[in-house]
Each structure stands twice: as C-alpha cells, then as structure tokens.
Amino acid sequence: MKLIALTGGIGSGKSTVLNEFKKLGAEVMSCDEISHRIMLRGGSAYTEVTDKFGSTILNEDKEIDRKRLAAIVFSDNEKLELLNRITHRLIYAEIDKQIKESSAAVVCVEIPLLFTTVSPLEIDLKIAVVASEDIRIKRVMERDGMSADEVRARMAKQLSDDEMRKKADCVIENNGDMETLCSAVKEIY
C-alpha cells in the first residue's frame, strides 16, 4: 500500500483533488470529515470539546455549531491550539484504524495541517495543492458564504503556499481549469 498525504490552504482545492484520486481508484479519507464525525454528539471528541469550550458552542439540538466554534478558535491562538490538541490525536487514531482495515493499493488522506502537526502516519508521498490568493478567496466566499476578510483571517493562520511548496514532495498548482487539474492528479497517480 502507498499512502499519499494531501494538504493545502483553505480554498486551494484539496477536496477536489481528493475526489479525483478516488475516481482513479484510491481509497480516500478526509481529516475534515473525520473531525466533523468525532465532534457529533456521541463522537469521541464531543464531551471534551464541549467541556473546554462551554455550551455557547452548541446549537438548539445540542450539537456543536462549527461556525460558532470556528469564530472562537480563529480569533484566539491558544483556543485554536487547545482544539487541535483535543482533536488531532483522535483524528489520527481514526485514520490509522481505517488504513489498517484497507486493502487498497493507494490510500490518499487529506490532512490540512500536515506540515504544522506531528503525523504518526508513514507517508510515502506528500502533495501540496496551491492556488493564488484571489482564487482561493473567491472559492471560499462562494462555497461558505464568508467575507473576504474572514477568509484572509483563516489564511493568515495557515502556512503560505511558498512554505508548503518547500515541504511537499510534489505540488499541484490549481489555478486553471478542471481538465488541467485532473491531468495533474492522473500523472501523480
């Protein structure tokens, strides 16, 4: 089995690239999706997150309101670090479990914070997906309904594309059309 780790900043197109790997036959996993699951009521992170951040992050159904939580952590570095300490070990444990259960020849895991956290995974190839700031801002505004300033604030908390380029084994530039992106993914696969 080959393990590919895929990373990139907000709006770079990580999920699109992950989907293309899936179409080519790779088993795919997303840290963001796992994070969503473990923070659902009954999930492995729910109690600890609600204990540390309080009931103000809950919606009327007593589920964690991710937008409220994001507003808190993206305005306070210590709270962001706290959330990461709670969730990262649980996310990596779930990824490790899924990898051990997989019989796929290629597994591709989307890990947004690949270069800023310690990964216990034995990764064969680290790919960074990068795109121009203007394109990323536009994508996130359209996708999430955020303002340009909100997107920039999130981007400021992440590694720059230049830093990702230096740390990655391979870089996918995602400033063009879908055909160009698919071709780049297919070449790597």
C-alpha atoms as a PDB file:
ATOM      1  CA  MET A   1       0.000   0.000   0.000  1.00  0.00           C
ATOM      2  CA  LYS A   2       1.133   3.529  -0.827  1.00  0.00           C
ATOM      3  CA  LEU A   3      -0.010   6.315   1.484  1.00  0.00           C
ATOM      4  CA  ILE A   4      -0.416   9.761  -0.034  1.00  0.00           C
ATOM      5  CA  ALA A   5      -0.980  12.784   2.188  1.00  0.00           C
ATOM      6  CA  LEU A   6      -2.681  15.736   0.566  1.00  0.00           C
ATOM      7  CA  THR A   7      -2.551  19.229   2.028  1.00  0.00           C
ATOM      8  CA  GLY A   8      -3.142  22.853   1.105  1.00  0.00           C
ATOM      9  CA  GLY A   9      -4.651  26.027   2.417  1.00  0.00           C
ATOM     10  CA  ILE A  10      -8.317  26.910   2.594  1.00  0.00           C
ATOM     11  CA  GLY A  11      -9.831  27.127  -0.878  1.00  0.00           C
ATOM     12  CA  SER A  12      -6.849  25.547  -2.622  1.00  0.00           C
ATOM     13  CA  GLY A  13      -8.891  22.628  -3.971  1.00  0.00           C
ATOM     14  CA  LYS A  14      -7.800  19.775  -1.687  1.00  0.00           C
ATOM     15  CA  SER A  15     -11.234  18.156  -1.683  1.00  0.00           C
ATOM     16  CA  THR A  16     -11.448  18.326  -5.471  1.00  0.00           C
ATOM     17  CA  VAL A  17      -8.038  16.683  -5.804  1.00  0.00           C
ATOM     18  CA  LEU A  18      -9.038  14.045  -3.225  1.00  0.00           C
ATOM     19  CA  ASN A  19     -12.152  13.273  -5.269  1.00  0.00           C
ATOM     20  CA  GLU A  20     -10.018  12.862  -8.402  1.00  0.00           C
ATOM     21  CA  PHE A  21      -7.784  10.339  -6.595  1.00  0.00           C
ATOM     22  CA  LYS A  22     -10.952   8.474  -5.613  1.00  0.00           C
ATOM     23  CA  LYS A  23     -12.120   8.372  -9.248  1.00  0.00           C
ATOM     24  CA  LEU A  24      -8.762   6.838 -10.187  1.00  0.00           C
ATOM     25  CA  GLY A  25      -9.206   4.026  -7.644  1.00  0.00           C
ATOM     26  CA  ALA A  26      -7.552   5.262  -4.461  1.00  0.00           C
ATOM     27  CA  GLU A  27      -9.266   4.858  -1.121  1.00  0.00           C
ATOM     28  CA  VAL A  28      -9.685   8.363   0.266  1.00  0.00           C
ATOM     29  CA  MET A  29     -10.053   9.867   3.722  1.00  0.00           C
ATOM     30  CA  SER A  30     -10.529  13.443   4.872  1.00  0.00           C
ATOM     31  CA  CYS A  31      -9.405  14.802   8.230  1.00  0.00           C
ATOM     32  CA  ASP A  32     -12.141  17.421   7.972  1.00  0.00           C
ATOM     33  CA  GLU A  33     -14.835  14.753   7.538  1.00  0.00           C
ATOM     34  CA  ILE A  34     -13.420  12.701  10.401  1.00  0.00           C
ATOM     35  CA  SER A  35     -13.291  15.855  12.536  1.00  0.00           C
ATOM     36  CA  HIS A  36     -16.968  16.507  11.795  1.00  0.00           C
ATOM     37  CA  ARG A  37     -17.875  12.950  12.834  1.00  0.00           C
ATOM     38  CA  ILE A  38     -15.898  12.886  16.073  1.00  0.00           C
ATOM     39  CA  MET A  39     -17.456  16.179  17.190  1.00  0.00           C
ATOM     40  CA  LEU A  40     -21.025  15.000  16.700  1.00  0.00           C
ATOM     41  CA  ARG A  41     -22.899  14.260  19.910  1.00  0.00           C
ATOM     42  CA  GLY A  42     -21.694  10.815  20.967  1.00  0.00           C
ATOM     43  CA  GLY A  43     -18.462  11.212  18.980  1.00  0.00           C
ATOM     44  CA  SER A  44     -15.078  10.703  20.605  1.00  0.00           C
ATOM     45  CA  ALA A  45     -14.285  14.459  20.841  1.00  0.00           C
ATOM     46  CA  TYR A  46     -17.731  15.835  21.713  1.00  0.00           C
ATOM     47  CA  THR A  47     -17.539  15.749  25.504  1.00  0.00           C
ATOM     48  CA  GLU A  48     -14.014  17.119  25.777  1.00  0.00           C
ATOM     49  CA  VAL A  49     -14.678  19.916  23.275  1.00  0.00           C
ATOM     50  CA  THR A  50     -17.916  20.958  24.975  1.00  0.00           C
ATOM     51  CA  ASP A  51     -16.282  20.745  28.421  1.00  0.00           C
ATOM     52  CA  LYS A  52     -13.440  23.028  27.322  1.00  0.00           C
ATOM     53  CA  PHE A  53     -15.426  25.500  25.185  1.00  0.00           C
ATOM     54  CA  GLY A  54     -18.757  25.551  27.004  1.00  0.00           C
ATOM     55  CA  SER A  55     -22.392  25.378  25.994  1.00  0.00           C
ATOM     56  CA  THR A  56     -22.235  28.566  23.903  1.00  0.00           C
ATOM     57  CA  ILE A  57     -20.820  26.484  21.024  1.00  0.00           C
ATOM     58  CA  LEU A  58     -23.919  24.261  20.948  1.00  0.00           C
ATOM     59  CA  ASN A  59     -26.940  24.757  18.725  1.00  0.00           C
ATOM     60  CA  GLU A  60     -30.522  24.112  19.836  1.00  0.00           C
ATOM     61  CA  ASP A  61     -30.095  20.368  19.083  1.00  0.00           C
ATOM     62  CA  LYS A  62     -27.081  20.255  21.459  1.00  0.00           C
ATOM     63  CA  GLU A  63     -24.736  19.595  18.537  1.00  0.00           C
ATOM     64  CA  ILE A  64     -21.520  21.596  18.218  1.00  0.00           C
ATOM     65  CA  ASP A  65     -22.116  24.605  15.979  1.00  0.00           C
ATOM     66  CA  ARG A  66     -18.939  24.547  13.907  1.00  0.00           C
ATOM     67  CA  LYS A  67     -19.298  28.185  12.858  1.00  0.00           C
ATOM     68  CA  ARG A  68     -19.514  29.349  16.479  1.00  0.00           C
ATOM     69  CA  LEU A  69     -16.548  27.208  17.418  1.00  0.00           C
ATOM     70  CA  ALA A  70     -14.578  28.492  14.409  1.00  0.00           C
ATOM     71  CA  ALA A  71     -15.295  32.101  15.377  1.00  0.00           C
ATOM     72  CA  ILE A  72     -13.794  31.400  18.804  1.00  0.00           C
ATOM     73  CA  VAL A  73     -10.690  29.475  17.746  1.00  0.00           C
ATOM     74  CA  PHE A  74      -9.768  31.573  14.734  1.00  0.00           C
ATOM     75  CA  SER A  75      -9.708  34.698  16.894  1.00  0.00           C
ATOM     76  CA  ASP A  76      -7.619  33.177  19.709  1.00  0.00           C
ATOM     77  CA  ASN A  77      -4.434  31.181  19.025  1.00  0.00           C
ATOM     78  CA  GLU A  78      -4.469  29.490  22.440  1.00  0.00           C
ATOM     79  CA  LYS A  79      -8.006  28.217  21.906  1.00  0.00           C
ATOM     80  CA  LEU A  80      -7.095  27.015  18.422  1.00  0.00           C
ATOM     81  CA  GLU A  81      -4.154  25.086  19.895  1.00  0.00           C
ATOM     82  CA  LEU A  82      -6.453  23.631  22.571  1.00  0.00           C
ATOM     83  CA  LEU A  83      -8.945  22.425  19.966  1.00  0.00           C
ATOM     84  CA  ASN A  84      -6.122  20.923  17.908  1.00  0.00           C
ATOM     85  CA  ARG A  85      -4.718  19.099  20.964  1.00  0.00           C
ATOM     86  CA  ILE A  86      -8.126  17.578  21.627  1.00  0.00           C
ATOM     87  CA  THR A  87      -8.983  16.558  18.083  1.00  0.00           C
ATOM     88  CA  HIS A  88      -5.734  15.680  16.305  1.00  0.00           C
ATOM     89  CA  ARG A  89      -4.924  12.543  18.298  1.00  0.00           C
ATOM     90  CA  LEU A  90      -8.478  11.287  17.785  1.00  0.00           C
ATOM     91  CA  ILE A  91      -8.438  12.075  14.057  1.00  0.00           C
ATOM     92  CA  TYR A  92      -5.104  10.315  13.531  1.00  0.00           C
ATOM     93  CA  ALA A  93      -6.330   7.306  15.529  1.00  0.00           C
ATOM     94  CA  GLU A  94      -9.347   7.020  13.207  1.00  0.00           C
ATOM     95  CA  ILE A  95      -7.177   7.382  10.078  1.00  0.00           C
ATOM     96  CA  ASP A  96      -4.777   4.725  11.378  1.00  0.00           C
ATOM     97  CA  LYS A  97      -7.702   2.378  12.057  1.00  0.00           C
ATOM     98  CA  GLN A  98      -9.122   2.895   8.545  1.00  0.00           C
ATOM     99  CA  ILE A  99      -5.709   2.395   6.914  1.00  0.00           C
ATOM    100  CA  LYS A 100      -5.201  -0.880   8.805  1.00  0.00           C
ATOM    101  CA  GLU A 101      -8.624  -2.080   7.628  1.00  0.00           C
ATOM    102  CA  SER A 102      -7.971  -1.086   4.000  1.00  0.00           C
ATOM    103  CA  SER A 103      -6.885  -3.427   1.238  1.00  0.00           C
ATOM    104  CA  ALA A 104      -6.423  -0.612  -1.295  1.00  0.00           C
ATOM    105  CA  ALA A 105      -3.161  -0.272  -3.227  1.00  0.00           C
ATOM    106  CA  VAL A 106      -3.273   3.515  -2.784  1.00  0.00           C
ATOM    107  CA  VAL A 107      -4.753   5.454   0.127  1.00  0.00           C
ATOM    108  CA  CYS A 108      -4.958   9.235  -0.107  1.00  0.00           C
ATOM    109  CA  VAL A 109      -5.592  11.219   3.072  1.00  0.00           C
ATOM    110  CA  GLU A 110      -6.468  14.909   3.052  1.00  0.00           C
ATOM    111  CA  ILE A 111      -4.600  16.456   6.007  1.00  0.00           C
ATOM    112  CA  PRO A 112      -4.942  20.269   6.026  1.00  0.00           C
ATOM    113  CA  LEU A 113      -2.364  20.709   8.812  1.00  0.00           C
ATOM    114  CA  LEU A 114       0.113  18.117   7.530  1.00  0.00           C
ATOM    115  CA  PHE A 115       3.148  20.382   7.841  1.00  0.00           C
ATOM    116  CA  THR A 116       2.213  22.027  11.146  1.00  0.00           C
ATOM    117  CA  THR A 117       1.404  18.923  13.202  1.00  0.00           C
ATOM    118  CA  VAL A 118       3.290  15.767  14.026  1.00  0.00           C
ATOM    119  CA  SER A 119       1.820  12.946  11.987  1.00  0.00           C
ATOM    120  CA  PRO A 120       2.177   9.377  13.279  1.00  0.00           C
ATOM    121  CA  LEU A 121       1.474   8.075   9.762  1.00  0.00           C
ATOM    122  CA  GLU A 122       4.117   6.533   7.489  1.00  0.00           C
ATOM    123  CA  ILE A 123       3.549   8.692   4.420  1.00  0.00           C
ATOM    124  CA  ASP A 124       5.008   7.767   1.048  1.00  0.00           C
ATOM    125  CA  LEU A 125       4.187  10.999  -0.814  1.00  0.00           C
ATOM    126  CA  LYS A 126       3.282  14.471   0.466  1.00  0.00           C
ATOM    127  CA  ILE A 127       1.342  16.605  -2.014  1.00  0.00           C
ATOM    128  CA  ALA A 128       0.574  20.297  -1.573  1.00  0.00           C
ATOM    129  CA  VAL A 129      -2.319  21.808  -3.520  1.00  0.00           C
ATOM    130  CA  VAL A 130      -1.765  25.526  -4.058  1.00  0.00           C
ATOM    131  CA  ALA A 131      -3.675  28.312  -5.793  1.00  0.00           C
ATOM    132  CA  SER A 132      -3.450  32.080  -5.981  1.00  0.00           C
ATOM    133  CA  GLU A 133      -4.840  34.035  -3.049  1.00  0.00           C
ATOM    134  CA  ASP A 134      -7.525  35.731  -5.159  1.00  0.00           C
ATOM    135  CA  ILE A 135      -8.813  32.419  -6.496  1.00  0.00           C
ATOM    136  CA  ARG A 136      -8.835  30.867  -3.013  1.00  0.00           C
ATOM    137  CA  ILE A 137     -10.716  33.802  -1.511  1.00  0.00           C
ATOM    138  CA  LYS A 138     -13.309  33.701  -4.281  1.00  0.00           C
ATOM    139  CA  ARG A 139     -13.806  29.930  -3.911  1.00  0.00           C
ATOM    140  CA  VAL A 140     -14.322  30.104  -0.141  1.00  0.00           C
ATOM    141  CA  MET A 141     -16.634  33.119  -0.348  1.00  0.00           C
ATOM    142  CA  GLU A 142     -18.814  31.254  -2.872  1.00  0.00           C
ATOM    143  CA  ARG A 143     -18.646  27.914  -1.039  1.00  0.00           C
ATOM    144  CA  ASP A 144     -19.038  29.059   2.575  1.00  0.00           C
ATOM    145  CA  GLY A 145     -20.622  32.490   2.319  1.00  0.00           C
ATOM    146  CA  MET A 146     -17.719  34.064   4.189  1.00  0.00           C
ATOM    147  CA  SER A 147     -16.478  37.606   3.643  1.00  0.00           C
ATOM    148  CA  ALA A 148     -13.084  38.208   2.046  1.00  0.00           C
ATOM    149  CA  ASP A 149     -11.777  39.427   5.419  1.00  0.00           C
ATOM    150  CA  GLU A 150     -12.946  36.231   7.145  1.00  0.00           C
ATOM    151  CA  VAL A 151     -11.198  34.125   4.507  1.00  0.00           C
ATOM    152  CA  ARG A 152      -7.993  36.168   4.828  1.00  0.00           C
ATOM    153  CA  ALA A 153      -8.109  35.726   8.624  1.00  0.00           C
ATOM    154  CA  ARG A 154      -8.244  31.935   8.172  1.00  0.00           C
ATOM    155  CA  MET A 155      -5.493  32.041   5.558  1.00  0.00           C
ATOM    156  CA  ALA A 156      -3.296  34.025   7.963  1.00  0.00           C
ATOM    157  CA  LYS A 157      -3.440  31.090  10.410  1.00  0.00           C
ATOM    158  CA  GLN A 158      -2.160  28.646   7.769  1.00  0.00           C
ATOM    159  CA  LEU A 159       1.195  28.028   6.141  1.00  0.00           C
ATOM    160  CA  SER A 160       1.814  30.033   2.999  1.00  0.00           C
ATOM    161  CA  ASP A 161       1.871  28.303  -0.375  1.00  0.00           C
ATOM    162  CA  ASP A 162       5.619  29.016  -0.575  1.00  0.00           C
ATOM    163  CA  GLU A 163       6.189  27.170   2.711  1.00  0.00           C
ATOM    164  CA  MET A 164       4.055  24.261   1.506  1.00  0.00           C
ATOM    165  CA  ARG A 165       5.993  24.088  -1.760  1.00  0.00           C
ATOM    166  CA  LYS A 166       9.242  23.722   0.218  1.00  0.00           C
ATOM    167  CA  LYS A 167       7.913  20.925   2.431  1.00  0.00           C
ATOM    168  CA  ALA A 168       5.979  18.917  -0.175  1.00  0.00           C
ATOM    169  CA  ASP A 169       7.345  16.095  -2.299  1.00  0.00           C
ATOM    170  CA  CYS A 170       5.095  17.263  -5.108  1.00  0.00           C
ATOM    171  CA  VAL A 171       2.942  20.342  -5.803  1.00  0.00           C
ATOM    172  CA  ILE A 172      -0.313  20.652  -7.721  1.00  0.00           C
ATOM    173  CA  GLU A 173      -0.967  24.173  -8.982  1.00  0.00           C
ATOM    174  CA  ASN A 174      -4.750  24.633  -9.018  1.00  0.00           C
ATOM    175  CA  ASN A 175      -5.199  27.947 -10.814  1.00  0.00           C
ATOM    176  CA  GLY A 176      -6.500  26.522 -14.074  1.00  0.00           C
ATOM    177  CA  ASP A 177      -9.423  24.530 -15.316  1.00  0.00           C
ATOM    178  CA  MET A 178     -10.682  21.143 -14.195  1.00  0.00           C
ATOM    179  CA  GLU A 179      -9.085  19.323 -17.134  1.00  0.00           C
ATOM    180  CA  THR A 180      -5.623  20.601 -16.171  1.00  0.00           C
ATOM    181  CA  LEU A 181      -6.188  19.624 -12.545  1.00  0.00           C
ATOM    182  CA  CYS A 182      -7.398  16.116 -13.453  1.00  0.00           C
ATOM    183  CA  SER A 183      -4.385  15.639 -15.701  1.00  0.00           C
ATOM    184  CA  ALA A 184      -2.001  16.615 -12.874  1.00  0.00           C
ATOM    185  CA  VAL A 185      -3.670  14.174 -10.460  1.00  0.00           C
ATOM    186  CA  LYS A 186      -3.651  11.365 -13.021  1.00  0.00           C
ATOM    187  CA  GLU A 187       0.063  11.909 -13.683  1.00  0.00           C
ATOM    188  CA  ILE A 188       0.856  11.596  -9.967  1.00  0.00           C
ATOM    189  CA  TYR A 189      -1.396   8.570  -9.543  1.00  0.00           C
END
